[in-house]
Protein backbone atom coordinates (compact mmCIF):
# COMPACT_ATOMS: atom_id res chain seq x y z
CA MET A 1 0.00 0.00 0.00
CA LYS A 2 1.29 3.47 -0.93
CA GLY A 3 0.60 6.89 0.52
CA PRO A 4 0.58 10.33 -1.19
CA LYS A 5 3.00 10.73 -4.10
CA GLY A 6 3.65 6.98 -4.04
CA TYR A 7 5.54 6.91 -0.73
CA HIS A 8 5.08 3.78 1.29
CA ILE A 9 3.02 4.16 4.48
CA ASP A 10 5.86 2.88 6.65
CA PHE A 11 7.88 5.87 5.47
CA TYR A 12 5.10 8.24 6.40
CA LEU A 13 5.02 6.77 9.85
CA LYS A 14 8.57 7.79 10.50
CA GLY A 15 9.61 11.03 12.20
CA GLU A 16 8.14 14.31 10.98
CA TYR A 17 5.95 12.55 8.42
CA LYS A 18 3.81 10.77 11.05
CA MET A 19 1.57 13.78 11.72
CA GLY A 20 1.25 14.43 8.00
CA PHE A 21 0.00 10.92 7.44
CA LEU A 22 -2.58 11.21 10.23
CA LYS A 23 -3.90 14.46 8.76
CA TRP A 24 -4.05 12.82 5.34
CA LEU A 25 -5.84 9.79 6.79
CA ILE A 26 -8.45 11.51 9.04
CA GLY A 27 -8.47 15.06 7.68
CA ASP A 28 -7.01 18.43 8.66
CA LYS A 29 -9.74 19.44 11.17
CA THR A 30 -8.48 17.50 14.16
CA GLU A 31 -7.16 20.49 16.10
CA GLU A 32 -10.17 22.67 15.17
CA GLU A 33 -12.68 20.04 16.22
CA THR A 34 -10.79 19.41 19.44
CA GLY A 35 -10.98 23.10 20.21
CA GLU A 36 -14.71 23.15 19.54
CA ASN A 37 -15.27 20.13 21.80
CA ASP A 38 -13.24 21.77 24.54
CA GLY A 39 -15.39 24.88 24.15
CA LYS A 40 -18.58 22.83 24.35
CA SER A 41 -17.31 21.06 27.47
CA LEU A 42 -16.53 24.37 29.12
CA SER A 43 -19.95 25.69 28.11
CA ARG A 44 -21.69 22.65 29.58
CA ALA A 45 -19.70 22.95 32.80
CA ALA A 46 -20.58 26.64 33.07
CA GLY A 47 -24.25 25.86 32.41
CA SER A 48 -24.26 23.11 35.04
CA ALA A 49 -22.68 25.44 37.59
CA ALA A 50 -25.23 28.16 36.78
CA SER A 51 -28.08 25.66 37.09
CA LYS A 52 -26.80 24.44 40.45
CA GLU A 53 -26.46 28.02 41.64
CA ALA A 54 -30.03 28.81 40.51
CA LYS A 55 -31.37 25.74 42.35
CA ASN A 56 -29.50 26.69 45.51
CA ARG A 57 -30.84 30.24 45.24
CA ALA A 58 -34.39 28.92 44.76
CA ALA A 59 -34.01 26.55 47.72
CA GLY A 60 -32.85 29.41 49.93
CA GLN A 61 -35.76 31.57 48.82
CA VAL A 62 -38.22 28.75 49.53
CA GLU A 63 -36.85 28.24 53.05
CA ALA A 64 -37.23 31.96 53.78
CA ILE A 65 -40.79 32.09 52.40
CA TYR A 66 -41.81 28.91 54.24
CA ASP A 67 -40.45 30.15 57.56
CA ARG A 68 -42.25 33.47 57.13
CA LEU A 69 -45.56 31.79 56.22
CA LYS A 70 -45.30 29.36 59.11
CA GLU A 71 -44.56 32.21 61.50
CA THR A 72 -47.40 34.44 60.28
CA THR A 73 -50.09 31.97 59.14
CA GLY A 74 -49.29 28.78 61.05
CA MET A 75 -52.34 26.98 62.41
CA PRO A 76 -52.53 23.95 64.71
CA VAL A 77 -53.40 20.74 62.94
CA VAL A 78 -53.74 17.10 63.91
CA GLY A 79 -52.42 14.98 61.08
CA PHE A 80 -53.58 11.37 61.13
CA GLU A 81 -51.60 8.29 60.25
CA LEU A 82 -53.84 5.59 58.76
CA VAL A 83 -52.86 2.38 60.52
CA LYS A 84 -53.97 -0.92 59.02
CA GLU A 85 -55.24 -2.61 62.15
CA LYS A 86 -58.67 -3.40 63.50
CA PRO A 87 -59.82 -0.32 65.44
CA GLY A 88 -62.04 -0.49 68.49
CA LEU A 89 -65.67 0.60 68.22
CA PHE A 90 -64.90 3.99 69.78
CA ASP A 91 -61.47 4.56 68.24
CA SER A 92 -60.75 7.31 65.74
CA LYS A 93 -61.03 5.47 62.43
CA ILE A 94 -62.03 5.27 58.79
CA GLY A 95 -64.95 3.02 57.78
CA GLY A 96 -66.33 -0.02 59.55
CA GLU A 97 -69.14 -0.52 62.04
CA TYR A 98 -70.26 2.18 64.44
CA TYR A 99 -72.10 2.81 67.68
CA VAL A 100 -75.78 3.85 67.70
CA PRO A 101 -77.24 4.83 71.10
CA ARG A 102 -80.39 3.00 72.15
CA ASN A 103 -82.52 6.13 71.84
CA MET A 104 -81.30 6.89 68.30
CA LYS A 105 -81.51 5.30 64.88
CA PRO A 106 -78.93 5.01 62.10
CA LEU A 107 -78.84 8.09 59.85
CA LYS A 108 -80.44 7.68 56.42
CA ASN A 109 -80.36 9.25 53.00
CA GLN A 110 -83.52 11.35 53.31
CA GLU A 111 -84.16 11.17 49.57
CA THR A 112 -83.90 7.39 49.13
CA GLY A 113 -84.42 5.99 52.63
CA GLU A 114 -81.16 4.02 52.43
CA GLU A 115 -78.88 3.99 55.45
CA LEU A 116 -75.73 6.12 55.31
CA PHE A 117 -72.26 4.66 55.70
CA LEU A 118 -69.61 5.69 58.21
CA LEU A 119 -66.89 7.65 56.44
CA ALA A 120 -64.88 8.54 59.52
CA GLN A 121 -65.03 8.76 63.28
CA VAL A 122 -62.95 10.98 65.59
CA ASN A 123 -62.65 10.32 69.30
CA PHE A 124 -61.48 13.69 70.63
CA SER A 125 -60.21 12.23 73.89
CA GLN A 126 -57.69 10.15 71.93
CA ILE A 127 -56.04 12.97 70.00
CA PRO A 128 -54.09 16.18 70.80
CA HIS A 129 -56.46 19.01 71.59
CA ILE A 130 -56.88 21.94 69.21
CA GLU A 131 -58.43 25.22 70.36
CA SER A 132 -62.21 25.44 69.74
CA PHE A 133 -62.48 21.68 69.11
CA PRO A 134 -64.16 19.45 71.72
CA GLU A 135 -61.86 17.84 74.28
CA GLN A 136 -63.97 14.71 74.42
CA GLY A 137 -66.81 13.05 72.61
CA LEU A 138 -67.30 11.12 69.40
CA LEU A 139 -67.70 12.77 65.98
CA GLN A 140 -69.22 10.47 63.37
CA ILE A 141 -69.35 11.51 59.69
CA PHE A 142 -71.69 9.64 57.37
CA ILE A 143 -72.11 9.79 53.58
CA ALA A 144 -74.41 8.12 51.08
CA GLY A 145 -73.43 4.85 49.44
CA ASP A 146 -76.28 4.90 46.93
CA ASP A 147 -75.19 8.15 45.26
CA ASP A 148 -72.30 8.67 42.81
CA LEU A 149 -71.61 12.02 44.53
CA TYR A 150 -71.33 10.34 47.94
CA GLY A 151 -74.28 12.44 49.13
CA CYS A 152 -72.63 15.80 48.42
CA ASP A 153 -74.85 18.67 47.25
CA PHE A 154 -72.53 21.08 45.43
CA ASP A 155 -75.27 23.70 45.12
CA GLU A 156 -76.07 23.60 48.84
CA PRO A 157 -72.97 22.23 50.63
CA MET A 158 -74.63 22.44 54.07
CA ASN A 159 -77.63 20.38 53.01
CA GLN A 160 -77.42 17.17 55.04
CA HIS A 161 -80.24 15.32 53.26
CA ARG A 162 -77.87 12.74 51.78
CA TRP A 163 -75.10 12.80 54.34
CA GLY A 164 -74.88 13.63 58.03
CA ILE A 165 -72.87 14.22 61.17
CA ARG A 166 -73.58 12.91 64.62
CA TYR A 167 -71.76 14.11 67.73
CA LEU A 168 -71.97 12.03 70.90
CA GLU A 169 -70.57 13.89 73.88
CA LYS A 170 -70.71 10.77 76.03
CA PHE A 171 -70.73 7.08 75.24
CA PRO A 172 -70.56 3.91 77.38
CA LYS A 173 -67.50 1.78 78.02
CA THR A 174 -69.38 -1.38 77.23
CA VAL A 175 -71.94 -1.70 74.44
CA GLU A 176 -74.84 -4.05 73.85
CA PRO A 177 -74.63 -5.89 70.50
CA GLU A 178 -77.79 -4.23 69.17
CA CYS A 179 -76.08 -0.84 69.47
CA VAL A 180 -73.32 -1.85 67.05
CA HIS A 181 -74.35 -1.18 63.49
CA SER A 182 -73.05 -1.56 59.96
CA PRO A 183 -75.22 -0.98 56.85
CA ALA A 184 -75.50 -3.78 54.33
CA TRP A 185 -73.31 -3.35 51.25
CA LYS A 186 -74.96 -3.99 47.91
CA VAL A 187 -73.57 -4.61 44.45
CA GLU A 188 -74.33 -1.00 43.51
CA THR A 189 -72.95 0.56 46.72
CA SER A 190 -70.59 3.40 45.84
CA MET A 191 -68.12 4.67 48.46
CA PRO A 192 -64.57 6.07 48.37
CA PHE A 193 -63.46 2.65 49.67
CA ASP A 194 -64.76 -0.91 49.66
CA ILE A 195 -66.49 -2.92 52.35
CA ALA A 196 -63.26 -4.37 53.78
CA THR A 197 -61.51 -1.01 54.21
CA GLU A 198 -61.00 0.06 57.81
CA TYR A 199 -58.14 2.06 59.33
CA LYS A 200 -57.30 3.19 62.82
CA LEU A 201 -56.41 6.90 62.96
CA VAL A 202 -53.40 7.91 65.06
CA GLY A 203 -53.12 11.68 65.47
CA LYS A 204 -50.06 13.89 65.83
CA ALA A 205 -50.09 17.63 66.59
CA GLU A 206 -48.27 19.92 64.13
CA VAL A 207 -48.28 23.54 62.96
CA GLN A 208 -49.23 24.01 59.31
CA PRO A 209 -48.67 27.16 57.20
CA VAL A 210 -51.27 28.21 54.63
CA THR A 211 -51.47 25.68 51.79
CA PRO A 212 -51.26 26.60 48.07
CA GLY A 213 -54.88 25.62 47.41
CA ASP A 214 -56.37 27.77 50.18
CA TYR A 215 -58.08 30.88 48.75
CA ARG A 216 -56.09 33.07 51.19
CA MET A 217 -52.67 31.93 49.97
CA ASP A 218 -52.05 34.75 47.49
CA LYS A 219 -53.06 37.42 50.00
CA TYR A 220 -50.87 35.98 52.75
CA LEU A 221 -47.94 35.42 50.39
CA LEU A 222 -47.89 38.95 48.99
CA THR A 223 -48.62 40.65 52.32
CA ASN A 224 -46.49 38.62 54.69
CA CYS A 225 -43.61 37.77 52.37
CA ALA A 226 -42.90 41.20 50.89
CA GLY A 227 -39.22 41.36 50.01
CA LEU A 228 -38.97 37.58 49.68
CA VAL A 229 -40.95 37.25 46.44
CA ASP A 230 -40.60 39.12 43.16
CA GLU A 231 -42.35 42.47 43.12
CA ASP A 232 -44.22 41.62 39.92
CA ALA A 233 -45.57 38.32 41.28
CA GLY A 234 -49.35 38.41 41.48
CA GLY A 235 -49.67 35.29 43.60
CA PHE A 236 -48.38 31.78 44.32
CA TYR A 237 -48.51 30.54 40.74
CA ASP A 238 -46.64 33.62 39.49
CA LEU A 239 -43.52 32.56 41.38
CA GLU A 240 -40.62 31.11 39.41
CA GLU A 241 -41.43 27.51 38.50
CA GLU A 242 -38.61 26.08 40.62
CA VAL A 243 -39.66 28.15 43.64
CA CYS A 244 -43.33 27.31 43.15
CA ASN A 245 -42.68 23.55 42.96
CA LEU A 246 -40.26 23.47 45.89
CA LEU A 247 -42.60 25.51 48.09
CA ALA A 248 -45.58 23.30 47.24
CA ASP A 249 -43.54 20.24 48.24
CA LYS A 250 -42.33 21.95 51.41
CA ILE A 251 -45.81 22.83 52.67
CA HIS A 252 -47.02 19.48 53.90
CA ALA A 253 -50.58 18.45 53.10
CA TYR A 254 -51.82 15.60 55.27
CA GLY A 255 -53.69 12.63 53.84
CA CYS A 256 -56.12 12.95 56.73
CA GLN A 257 -56.43 15.77 59.26
CA ILE A 258 -58.50 18.05 61.45
CA GLY A 259 -57.65 21.74 61.79
CA GLY A 260 -54.98 23.46 59.73
CA TYR A 261 -55.48 24.37 56.07
CA PRO A 262 -57.25 22.37 53.37
CA PHE A 263 -56.05 20.73 50.19
CA PHE A 264 -58.00 20.74 46.93
CA THR A 265 -57.52 19.24 43.48
CA GLN A 266 -59.62 22.09 42.05
CA ALA A 267 -60.31 25.61 43.33
CA ASP A 268 -61.23 26.38 46.93
CA PRO A 269 -65.06 26.53 46.84
CA ARG A 270 -65.08 29.04 49.69
CA GLU A 271 -63.49 31.78 47.56
CA VAL A 272 -66.83 32.41 45.86
CA GLY A 273 -69.09 34.29 48.25
CA ASP A 274 -69.01 36.35 51.41
CA GLU A 275 -65.87 35.45 53.37
CA ALA A 276 -67.54 36.43 56.64
CA LYS A 277 -70.23 33.80 56.04
CA MET A 278 -67.88 31.04 54.90
CA PRO A 279 -67.04 28.32 57.45
CA GLN A 280 -63.28 28.67 57.88
CA ILE A 281 -62.30 25.81 60.20
CA LEU A 282 -61.36 22.48 58.65
CA LEU A 283 -63.41 20.05 60.70
CA PHE A 284 -62.13 16.99 58.85
CA GLN A 285 -60.31 16.12 55.64
CA LEU A 286 -59.65 12.79 53.94
CA ASP A 287 -57.54 12.52 50.81
CA SER A 288 -57.22 9.66 48.30
CA VAL A 289 -54.60 7.62 50.15
CA LYS A 290 -53.86 3.90 50.36
CA ASP A 291 -57.00 2.16 49.01
CA ILE A 292 -59.24 5.21 49.51
CA MET A 293 -60.31 6.95 46.30
CA TRP A 294 -62.59 9.98 45.87
CA GLY A 295 -63.59 9.83 42.20
CA ASP A 296 -60.44 10.42 40.14
CA VAL A 297 -57.87 10.80 42.97
CA GLY A 298 -59.88 13.46 44.80
CA VAL A 299 -60.19 14.73 48.36
CA GLY A 300 -63.11 15.28 50.75
CA ASN A 301 -63.36 18.29 53.09
CA PHE A 302 -65.73 19.32 55.87
CA PHE A 303 -65.75 22.92 57.15
CA ILE A 304 -67.40 24.57 60.14
CA SER A 305 -67.54 28.04 61.67
CA LYS A 306 -65.68 28.74 64.91
CA LYS A 307 -68.93 29.67 66.66
CA ASP A 308 -70.70 26.45 65.67
CA LEU A 309 -67.68 24.34 66.56
CA GLU A 310 -67.37 25.85 70.03
CA GLU A 311 -71.09 25.32 70.57
CA LYS A 312 -70.79 21.74 69.24
CA ASP A 313 -73.43 22.51 66.64
CA PHE A 314 -72.72 20.36 63.60
CA THR A 315 -75.90 21.15 61.66
CA LYS A 316 -74.27 23.79 59.43
CA VAL A 317 -71.13 21.96 58.29
CA TRP A 318 -69.98 22.55 54.70
CA TYR A 319 -69.25 19.28 52.82
CA ASN A 320 -67.25 19.32 49.60
CA TRP A 321 -65.16 16.95 47.56
CA ASP A 322 -63.42 17.35 44.22
CA CYS A 323 -61.11 15.36 41.98
CA TYR A 324 -58.93 15.64 38.90
């Protein structure tokens, strides 16, 4: 085999001709391309460093905003852990059978006559106390199982015709069998969980800052966090994407809770109307967790006014649920 001008390749591979042969074989752009690759590497390194710096800056901003919101808007909350064990009849729990005093009857769907199902029960003597909430007693929340909307009336959220709440300030230590009740499940029964679902609720006291879905978030953010957010930001979702996502992750939303701030998959229904007339206290919330499912991964909320809660009047509770 011969190289340029008929010289043998082994000659080209000697001394000063070696580089000439390589250029002839692979082209004359080796040094230029190497320079370009070095430039690209430096550019990528600079971009990576800038990205890391931006993330660190966003993280620092989020910590400052979170601390300010927790300091200025923090509310007591009892977050519940859903424990997969058989709860007692009077335990705080999700689903299952429930206690009916001798002088009372099971609550029914007033439009169909079918018995309501126990969604949740809270034994206030078992959990950390929150101001305005009862210190003892049993709160039972019932919803319809013969209604695709789980008894909710979105036009009149306080209408308890297809759902209901019962508060028992006192209950016995021992119960006669006829006072233990569980409605019969049918093929068409529709609930956020199935017949076998039952969880014991174990509560832990926390302090929760305003959540992104609460209708007051934008007001609190712009008023209380002046100097920490961009001046042209009109609200939570106007924050830089990285800041917005990190802050949403930082503000913990509980799968199940009483007190604190609510979580929604859609808009806060309380933002439409007279704020003074809206029930502001989150009486109870249950999200789609474990094998619990509100429609398409939704969440159920129950709200009450401070006055009604302190008077233990649960006839004007606002029931809402939404989903994606």
